[in-house]
């Protein structure tokens, strides 16, 4: 059996200008690769399931292999090749502070999966990790404005205005990766003739595209019309107002 592995390698370049002459800047660019055959305790193969050690990873040995029975190894769901972050702050002479934050990143990889064994639905990444391409690039701009009114001594009132997703972008954040809506590819047993067997799988004798079509034709599985379609989107523009009293 393949050993579980997850490797994250990155190079990061950063520029930082501390607050002086009324302005500051913090910016980074990261080039990275997150790859292996195991997504880690966060269970990103299941959209970030947060129950460490209780997810579906490696619940069944076949989950470590692709549809041809070869050990699977590739980019993981959290892989974003390019990431850029920047935050700039400027203080106006009359007491107003303006801050702008920008985040841009490569889209996450899309890995199609097909379930085997009725009532268990162990997902097999039959085409390999990242075979579905990537989601579109993600980007978001946030704005923050604050103005202070002195009340004497150390007392002051601050009015705050915060806008998240300033340009109301609607980038895709999730894609339906499972080919099935109901059912699964059934397994052959001594008493029931099915479409999948471990012996044929590890013997490199199966064609998952044919298995999927046969399972659908036999009424054992139905296709999900949302397969490889966007299923999650960036939160719309949000504006927040705040008042703070300091003393």
C-alpha atoms as a PDB file:
ATOM      1  CA  UNK A   1       0.000   0.000   0.000  1.00  0.00           C
ATOM      2  CA  UNK A   2       1.257   3.528  -0.730  1.00  0.00           C
ATOM      3  CA  UNK A   3       2.350   5.520   2.308  1.00  0.00           C
ATOM      4  CA  UNK A   4       0.294   8.603   3.099  1.00  0.00           C
ATOM      5  CA  UNK A   5       2.047  11.823   2.167  1.00  0.00           C
ATOM      6  CA  UNK A   6       1.360  15.517   1.845  1.00  0.00           C
ATOM      7  CA  UNK A   7       4.092  17.925   0.814  1.00  0.00           C
ATOM      8  CA  UNK A   8       3.783  21.697   0.766  1.00  0.00           C
ATOM      9  CA  UNK A   9       6.611  23.649  -0.830  1.00  0.00           C
ATOM     10  CA  UNK A  10       6.573  27.412  -1.287  1.00  0.00           C
ATOM     11  CA  UNK A  11       8.650  30.464  -2.089  1.00  0.00           C
ATOM     12  CA  UNK A  12       7.413  33.770  -0.706  1.00  0.00           C
ATOM     13  CA  UNK A  13       8.552  37.294  -1.496  1.00  0.00           C
ATOM     14  CA  UNK A  14       7.383  40.171   0.667  1.00  0.00           C
ATOM     15  CA  UNK A  15       7.599  43.946   0.909  1.00  0.00           C
ATOM     16  CA  UNK A  16       6.818  45.792   4.124  1.00  0.00           C
ATOM     17  CA  UNK A  17       6.817  49.530   4.750  1.00  0.00           C
ATOM     18  CA  UNK A  18       6.010  50.389   8.352  1.00  0.00           C
ATOM     19  CA  UNK A  19       3.717  53.290   9.116  1.00  0.00           C
ATOM     20  CA  UNK A  20       5.639  56.525   8.537  1.00  0.00           C
ATOM     21  CA  UNK A  21       4.842  59.745   6.678  1.00  0.00           C
ATOM     22  CA  UNK A  22       1.164  58.791   7.075  1.00  0.00           C
ATOM     23  CA  UNK A  23       1.238  55.548   5.077  1.00  0.00           C
ATOM     24  CA  UNK A  24       2.215  51.889   5.276  1.00  0.00           C
ATOM     25  CA  UNK A  25       2.258  48.883   2.948  1.00  0.00           C
ATOM     26  CA  UNK A  26       2.433  45.133   3.466  1.00  0.00           C
ATOM     27  CA  UNK A  27       2.510  42.896   0.412  1.00  0.00           C
ATOM     28  CA  UNK A  28       3.470  39.284  -0.359  1.00  0.00           C
ATOM     29  CA  UNK A  29       3.613  36.999  -3.389  1.00  0.00           C
ATOM     30  CA  UNK A  30       3.679  33.238  -2.838  1.00  0.00           C
ATOM     31  CA  UNK A  31       4.483  30.538  -5.389  1.00  0.00           C
ATOM     32  CA  UNK A  32       3.641  27.124  -3.963  1.00  0.00           C
ATOM     33  CA  UNK A  33       2.688  23.511  -4.566  1.00  0.00           C
ATOM     34  CA  UNK A  34       0.600  21.315  -2.269  1.00  0.00           C
ATOM     35  CA  UNK A  35       0.654  17.711  -3.458  1.00  0.00           C
ATOM     36  CA  UNK A  36       0.446  14.094  -2.311  1.00  0.00           C
ATOM     37  CA  UNK A  37      -2.168  11.398  -1.794  1.00  0.00           C
ATOM     38  CA  UNK A  38      -3.619  12.557   1.537  1.00  0.00           C
ATOM     39  CA  UNK A  39      -5.236  15.973   2.167  1.00  0.00           C
ATOM     40  CA  UNK A  40      -4.448  16.138   5.889  1.00  0.00           C
ATOM     41  CA  UNK A  41      -6.610  16.377   8.990  1.00  0.00           C
ATOM     42  CA  UNK A  42      -8.753  19.176   7.544  1.00  0.00           C
ATOM     43  CA  UNK A  43     -10.255  16.699   5.046  1.00  0.00           C
ATOM     44  CA  UNK A  44     -10.213  19.083   2.101  1.00  0.00           C
ATOM     45  CA  UNK A  45     -11.280  16.195  -0.143  1.00  0.00           C
ATOM     46  CA  UNK A  46     -14.626  16.643   1.633  1.00  0.00           C
ATOM     47  CA  UNK A  47     -14.838  20.433   1.308  1.00  0.00           C
ATOM     48  CA  UNK A  48     -12.934  21.034   4.540  1.00  0.00           C
ATOM     49  CA  UNK A  49     -14.599  18.598   6.926  1.00  0.00           C
ATOM     50  CA  UNK A  50     -13.307  19.594  10.360  1.00  0.00           C
ATOM     51  CA  UNK A  51     -13.354  16.267  12.223  1.00  0.00           C
ATOM     52  CA  UNK A  52      -9.699  15.165  12.376  1.00  0.00           C
ATOM     53  CA  UNK A  53      -9.163  11.446  11.743  1.00  0.00           C
ATOM     54  CA  UNK A  54     -12.875  10.764  11.140  1.00  0.00           C
ATOM     55  CA  UNK A  55     -13.120  11.720   7.451  1.00  0.00           C
ATOM     56  CA  UNK A  56     -13.400   9.443   4.440  1.00  0.00           C
ATOM     57  CA  UNK A  57      -9.697   9.502   3.543  1.00  0.00           C
ATOM     58  CA  UNK A  58      -8.452   5.944   3.040  1.00  0.00           C
ATOM     59  CA  UNK A  59     -11.601   4.383   4.518  1.00  0.00           C
ATOM     60  CA  UNK A  60     -11.180   1.772   1.795  1.00  0.00           C
ATOM     61  CA  UNK A  61      -7.816   0.754   0.262  1.00  0.00           C
ATOM     62  CA  UNK A  62      -8.993   1.472  -3.287  1.00  0.00           C
ATOM     63  CA  UNK A  63      -9.264   5.170  -2.422  1.00  0.00           C
ATOM     64  CA  UNK A  64      -5.477   5.427  -2.743  1.00  0.00           C
ATOM     65  CA  UNK A  65      -5.611   4.468  -6.421  1.00  0.00           C
ATOM     66  CA  UNK A  66      -6.969   5.913  -9.648  1.00  0.00           C
ATOM     67  CA  UNK A  67      -9.454   4.181 -11.953  1.00  0.00           C
ATOM     68  CA  UNK A  68      -6.714   2.089 -13.567  1.00  0.00           C
ATOM     69  CA  UNK A  69      -5.509   0.741 -10.238  1.00  0.00           C
ATOM     70  CA  UNK A  70      -2.371   2.882 -10.121  1.00  0.00           C
ATOM     71  CA  UNK A  71      -1.356   4.702  -6.899  1.00  0.00           C
ATOM     72  CA  UNK A  72      -2.786   8.198  -6.986  1.00  0.00           C
ATOM     73  CA  UNK A  73      -0.548  11.175  -6.359  1.00  0.00           C
ATOM     74  CA  UNK A  74      -1.076  14.771  -7.402  1.00  0.00           C
ATOM     75  CA  UNK A  75      -2.109  18.274  -6.434  1.00  0.00           C
ATOM     76  CA  UNK A  76      -4.368  18.509  -3.389  1.00  0.00           C
ATOM     77  CA  UNK A  77      -7.550  20.606  -2.988  1.00  0.00           C
ATOM     78  CA  UNK A  78      -5.724  23.412  -1.145  1.00  0.00           C
ATOM     79  CA  UNK A  79      -3.151  23.914  -3.902  1.00  0.00           C
ATOM     80  CA  UNK A  80      -3.071  27.504  -5.219  1.00  0.00           C
ATOM     81  CA  UNK A  81       0.013  28.009  -7.366  1.00  0.00           C
ATOM     82  CA  UNK A  82       0.034  31.797  -7.190  1.00  0.00           C
ATOM     83  CA  UNK A  83      -1.149  33.995  -4.322  1.00  0.00           C
ATOM     84  CA  UNK A  84      -0.852  37.747  -3.946  1.00  0.00           C
ATOM     85  CA  UNK A  85      -1.798  39.757  -0.859  1.00  0.00           C
ATOM     86  CA  UNK A  86      -1.492  43.477  -0.207  1.00  0.00           C
ATOM     87  CA  UNK A  87      -2.698  45.928   2.417  1.00  0.00           C
ATOM     88  CA  UNK A  88      -2.122  49.662   2.186  1.00  0.00           C
ATOM     89  CA  UNK A  89      -3.001  52.241   4.861  1.00  0.00           C
ATOM     90  CA  UNK A  90      -3.053  56.031   4.489  1.00  0.00           C
ATOM     91  CA  UNK A  91      -3.769  58.578   7.193  1.00  0.00           C
ATOM     92  CA  UNK A  92      -5.233  61.892   6.053  1.00  0.00           C
ATOM     93  CA  UNK A  93      -4.282  65.084   7.855  1.00  0.00           C
ATOM     94  CA  UNK A  94      -7.772  65.704   9.246  1.00  0.00           C
ATOM     95  CA  UNK A  95      -7.932  62.383  11.111  1.00  0.00           C
ATOM     96  CA  UNK A  96      -9.361  59.977   8.540  1.00  0.00           C
ATOM     97  CA  UNK A  97      -7.623  56.649   7.929  1.00  0.00           C
ATOM     98  CA  UNK A  98      -8.210  54.700   4.697  1.00  0.00           C
ATOM     99  CA  UNK A  99      -7.131  51.088   4.228  1.00  0.00           C
ATOM    100  CA  UNK A 100      -7.365  48.897   1.121  1.00  0.00           C
ATOM    101  CA  UNK A 101      -6.754  45.141   1.118  1.00  0.00           C
ATOM    102  CA  UNK A 102      -6.372  42.976  -1.992  1.00  0.00           C
ATOM    103  CA  UNK A 103      -6.192  39.184  -2.340  1.00  0.00           C
ATOM    104  CA  UNK A 104      -5.673  37.265  -5.592  1.00  0.00           C
ATOM    105  CA  UNK A 105      -5.027  33.549  -6.013  1.00  0.00           C
ATOM    106  CA  UNK A 106      -5.040  30.780  -8.581  1.00  0.00           C
ATOM    107  CA  UNK A 107      -8.190  28.684  -8.641  1.00  0.00           C
ATOM    108  CA  UNK A 108      -8.328  25.468  -6.632  1.00  0.00           C
ATOM    109  CA  UNK A 109      -7.950  22.156  -8.521  1.00  0.00           C
ATOM    110  CA  UNK A 110     -11.020  20.122  -9.496  1.00  0.00           C
ATOM    111  CA  UNK A 111     -10.837  16.337  -8.979  1.00  0.00           C
ATOM    112  CA  UNK A 112     -13.762  14.256 -10.345  1.00  0.00           C
ATOM    113  CA  UNK A 113     -14.789  11.280  -8.195  1.00  0.00           C
ATOM    114  CA  UNK A 114     -16.988   8.215  -8.623  1.00  0.00           C
ATOM    115  CA  UNK A 115     -18.372   6.083  -5.752  1.00  0.00           C
ATOM    116  CA  UNK A 116     -18.013   2.321  -5.395  1.00  0.00           C
ATOM    117  CA  UNK A 117     -19.886  -0.134  -3.151  1.00  0.00           C
ATOM    118  CA  UNK A 118     -23.573   0.523  -2.502  1.00  0.00           C
ATOM    119  CA  UNK A 119     -24.420   2.067   0.893  1.00  0.00           C
ATOM    120  CA  UNK A 120     -20.775   3.025   1.449  1.00  0.00           C
ATOM    121  CA  UNK A 121     -19.943   5.102  -1.647  1.00  0.00           C
ATOM    122  CA  UNK A 122     -16.156   5.107  -1.275  1.00  0.00           C
ATOM    123  CA  UNK A 123     -14.977   7.864  -3.674  1.00  0.00           C
ATOM    124  CA  UNK A 124     -12.417   6.935  -6.316  1.00  0.00           C
ATOM    125  CA  UNK A 125     -10.571   9.714  -8.140  1.00  0.00           C
ATOM    126  CA  UNK A 126     -10.640   7.643 -11.286  1.00  0.00           C
ATOM    127  CA  UNK A 127      -9.092  10.264 -13.588  1.00  0.00           C
ATOM    128  CA  UNK A 128      -6.367  11.383 -11.168  1.00  0.00           C
ATOM    129  CA  UNK A 129      -6.090  14.417  -8.917  1.00  0.00           C
ATOM    130  CA  UNK A 130      -6.723  17.734 -10.643  1.00  0.00           C
ATOM    131  CA  UNK A 131      -8.059  16.049 -13.796  1.00  0.00           C
ATOM    132  CA  UNK A 132     -11.010  18.465 -13.933  1.00  0.00           C
ATOM    133  CA  UNK A 133      -8.779  21.515 -14.303  1.00  0.00           C
ATOM    134  CA  UNK A 134      -9.068  24.459 -11.934  1.00  0.00           C
ATOM    135  CA  UNK A 135     -11.700  26.879 -10.758  1.00  0.00           C
ATOM    136  CA  UNK A 136     -11.362  30.457 -12.040  1.00  0.00           C
ATOM    137  CA  UNK A 137      -8.904  32.772 -10.310  1.00  0.00           C
ATOM    138  CA  UNK A 138     -10.181  34.129  -7.002  1.00  0.00           C
ATOM    139  CA  UNK A 139      -9.851  37.795  -6.082  1.00  0.00           C
ATOM    140  CA  UNK A 140     -11.340  40.137  -3.507  1.00  0.00           C
ATOM    141  CA  UNK A 141     -10.881  43.786  -2.553  1.00  0.00           C
ATOM    142  CA  UNK A 142     -11.850  45.133   0.897  1.00  0.00           C
ATOM    143  CA  UNK A 143     -12.090  48.773   1.992  1.00  0.00           C
ATOM    144  CA  UNK A 144     -11.889  50.227   5.494  1.00  0.00           C
ATOM    145  CA  UNK A 145     -12.389  53.899   6.446  1.00  0.00           C
ATOM    146  CA  UNK A 146     -12.130  55.336   9.953  1.00  0.00           C
ATOM    147  CA  UNK A 147     -12.411  58.863  11.308  1.00  0.00           C
ATOM    148  CA  UNK A 148     -11.677  59.997  14.870  1.00  0.00           C
ATOM    149  CA  UNK A 149     -13.283  62.893  16.749  1.00  0.00           C
ATOM    150  CA  UNK A 150     -11.312  64.129  19.769  1.00  0.00           C
ATOM    151  CA  UNK A 151     -13.441  64.828  22.865  1.00  0.00           C
ATOM    152  CA  UNK A 152     -10.698  66.174  25.107  1.00  0.00           C
ATOM    153  CA  UNK A 153      -7.998  64.379  27.016  1.00  0.00           C
ATOM    154  CA  UNK A 154      -7.697  60.780  25.917  1.00  0.00           C
ATOM    155  CA  UNK A 155     -11.342  60.516  24.985  1.00  0.00           C
ATOM    156  CA  UNK A 156     -12.348  60.119  21.353  1.00  0.00           C
ATOM    157  CA  UNK A 157     -15.127  58.733  19.190  1.00  0.00           C
ATOM    158  CA  UNK A 158     -14.245  56.716  16.107  1.00  0.00           C
ATOM    159  CA  UNK A 159     -16.638  56.163  13.199  1.00  0.00           C
ATOM    160  CA  UNK A 160     -15.824  53.118  11.075  1.00  0.00           C
ATOM    161  CA  UNK A 161     -16.997  51.955   7.655  1.00  0.00           C
ATOM    162  CA  UNK A 162     -15.934  48.550   6.313  1.00  0.00           C
ATOM    163  CA  UNK A 163     -16.796  47.130   2.867  1.00  0.00           C
ATOM    164  CA  UNK A 164     -16.032  43.468   2.123  1.00  0.00           C
ATOM    165  CA  UNK A 165     -15.829  42.425  -1.540  1.00  0.00           C
ATOM    166  CA  UNK A 166     -15.891  46.042  -2.699  1.00  0.00           C
ATOM    167  CA  UNK A 167     -16.474  45.217  -6.375  1.00  0.00           C
ATOM    168  CA  UNK A 168     -19.128  42.564  -5.650  1.00  0.00           C
ATOM    169  CA  UNK A 169     -17.186  39.782  -7.357  1.00  0.00           C
ATOM    170  CA  UNK A 170     -18.910  36.404  -7.653  1.00  0.00           C
ATOM    171  CA  UNK A 171     -15.993  34.036  -8.100  1.00  0.00           C
ATOM    172  CA  UNK A 172     -16.576  30.284  -7.933  1.00  0.00           C
ATOM    173  CA  UNK A 173     -15.489  28.765  -4.619  1.00  0.00           C
ATOM    174  CA  UNK A 174     -16.686  25.181  -5.087  1.00  0.00           C
ATOM    175  CA  UNK A 175     -17.486  22.728  -7.881  1.00  0.00           C
ATOM    176  CA  UNK A 176     -19.557  19.522  -7.660  1.00  0.00           C
ATOM    177  CA  UNK A 177     -16.948  16.830  -8.167  1.00  0.00           C
ATOM    178  CA  UNK A 178     -18.941  13.621  -7.595  1.00  0.00           C
ATOM    179  CA  UNK A 179     -20.405  12.089 -10.738  1.00  0.00           C
ATOM    180  CA  UNK A 180     -23.252  10.376  -8.876  1.00  0.00           C
ATOM    181  CA  UNK A 181     -26.476  11.746  -7.463  1.00  0.00           C
ATOM    182  CA  UNK A 182     -27.815   8.483  -6.018  1.00  0.00           C
ATOM    183  CA  UNK A 183     -26.460   4.948  -5.799  1.00  0.00           C
ATOM    184  CA  UNK A 184     -22.950   3.793  -6.588  1.00  0.00           C
ATOM    185  CA  UNK A 185     -21.028   1.378  -8.764  1.00  0.00           C
ATOM    186  CA  UNK A 186     -21.937  -1.993  -7.197  1.00  0.00           C
ATOM    187  CA  UNK A 187     -19.348  -4.537  -6.176  1.00  0.00           C
ATOM    188  CA  UNK A 188     -19.229  -8.122  -7.359  1.00  0.00           C
ATOM    189  CA  UNK A 189     -19.577 -10.710  -4.596  1.00  0.00           C
ATOM    190  CA  UNK A 190     -19.928 -14.446  -4.490  1.00  0.00           C
ATOM    191  CA  UNK A 191     -23.723 -14.155  -4.385  1.00  0.00           C
ATOM    192  CA  UNK A 192     -24.332 -10.974  -6.402  1.00  0.00           C
ATOM    193  CA  UNK A 193     -22.933 -10.196  -9.832  1.00  0.00           C
ATOM    194  CA  UNK A 194     -21.842  -6.571  -9.817  1.00  0.00           C
ATOM    195  CA  UNK A 195     -19.653  -4.270 -11.842  1.00  0.00           C
ATOM    196  CA  UNK A 196     -16.621  -3.763  -9.623  1.00  0.00           C
ATOM    197  CA  UNK A 197     -14.227  -6.165  -7.934  1.00  0.00           C
ATOM    198  CA  UNK A 198     -11.022  -5.514  -6.016  1.00  0.00           C
ATOM    199  CA  UNK A 199      -9.168  -8.212  -7.940  1.00  0.00           C
ATOM    200  CA  UNK A 200      -9.983  -6.617 -11.301  1.00  0.00           C
ATOM    201  CA  UNK A 201      -9.294  -3.131  -9.920  1.00  0.00           C
ATOM    202  CA  UNK A 202      -5.811  -3.857  -8.577  1.00  0.00           C
ATOM    203  CA  UNK A 203      -5.149  -5.973 -11.663  1.00  0.00           C
ATOM    204  CA  UNK A 204      -5.569  -2.883 -13.857  1.00  0.00           C
ATOM    205  CA  UNK A 205      -8.494  -4.499 -15.676  1.00  0.00           C
ATOM    206  CA  UNK A 206     -11.250  -1.912 -15.109  1.00  0.00           C
ATOM    207  CA  UNK A 207     -12.383   1.074 -17.148  1.00  0.00           C
ATOM    208  CA  UNK A 208     -14.259   3.450 -14.849  1.00  0.00           C
ATOM    209  CA  UNK A 209     -15.931   5.331 -17.669  1.00  0.00           C
ATOM    210  CA  UNK A 210     -17.476   2.031 -18.756  1.00  0.00           C
ATOM    211  CA  UNK A 211     -18.311   1.140 -15.135  1.00  0.00           C
ATOM    212  CA  UNK A 212     -20.152   4.438 -14.652  1.00  0.00           C
ATOM    213  CA  UNK A 213     -22.152   4.019 -17.883  1.00  0.00           C
ATOM    214  CA  UNK A 214     -22.989   0.404 -16.995  1.00  0.00           C
ATOM    215  CA  UNK A 215     -24.084   1.306 -13.461  1.00  0.00           C
ATOM    216  CA  UNK A 216     -26.348   4.044 -14.803  1.00  0.00           C
ATOM    217  CA  UNK A 217     -27.783   1.742 -17.492  1.00  0.00           C
ATOM    218  CA  UNK A 218     -28.466  -0.931 -14.864  1.00  0.00           C
ATOM    219  CA  UNK A 219     -30.272   1.544 -12.612  1.00  0.00           C
ATOM    220  CA  UNK A 220     -27.667   1.126  -9.883  1.00  0.00           C
ATOM    221  CA  UNK A 221     -26.585   4.766 -10.041  1.00  0.00           C
ATOM    222  CA  UNK A 222     -27.917   8.081 -11.356  1.00  0.00           C
ATOM    223  CA  UNK A 223     -25.706  10.870 -12.646  1.00  0.00           C
ATOM    224  CA  UNK A 224     -25.699  14.220 -10.900  1.00  0.00           C
ATOM    225  CA  UNK A 225     -26.617  16.985 -13.386  1.00  0.00           C
ATOM    226  CA  UNK A 226     -24.488  19.334 -11.279  1.00  0.00           C
ATOM    227  CA  UNK A 227     -21.335  17.302 -12.001  1.00  0.00           C
ATOM    228  CA  UNK A 228     -18.405  19.679 -12.702  1.00  0.00           C
ATOM    229  CA  UNK A 229     -20.750  22.669 -12.353  1.00  0.00           C
ATOM    230  CA  UNK A 230     -20.141  25.556  -9.948  1.00  0.00           C
ATOM    231  CA  UNK A 231     -21.863  24.893  -6.614  1.00  0.00           C
ATOM    232  CA  UNK A 232     -20.399  27.576  -4.329  1.00  0.00           C
ATOM    233  CA  UNK A 233     -19.746  31.265  -4.819  1.00  0.00           C
ATOM    234  CA  UNK A 234     -17.984  34.154  -3.141  1.00  0.00           C
ATOM    235  CA  UNK A 235     -20.077  36.060  -0.606  1.00  0.00           C
ATOM    236  CA  UNK A 236     -21.621  39.235  -2.111  1.00  0.00           C
ATOM    237  CA  UNK A 237     -20.620  42.753  -1.151  1.00  0.00           C
ATOM    238  CA  UNK A 238     -21.153  43.552   2.539  1.00  0.00           C
ATOM    239  CA  UNK A 239     -21.006  46.932   4.290  1.00  0.00           C
ATOM    240  CA  UNK A 240     -20.622  47.404   8.024  1.00  0.00           C
ATOM    241  CA  UNK A 241     -20.769  50.535  10.149  1.00  0.00           C
ATOM    242  CA  UNK A 242     -19.247  50.862  13.599  1.00  0.00           C
ATOM    243  CA  UNK A 243     -18.840  53.355  16.418  1.00  0.00           C
ATOM    244  CA  UNK A 244     -16.110  53.099  19.047  1.00  0.00           C
ATOM    245  CA  UNK A 245     -15.479  55.216  22.124  1.00  0.00           C
ATOM    246  CA  UNK A 246     -11.923  55.305  23.473  1.00  0.00           C
ATOM    247  CA  UNK A 247     -10.700  56.816  26.735  1.00  0.00           C
END
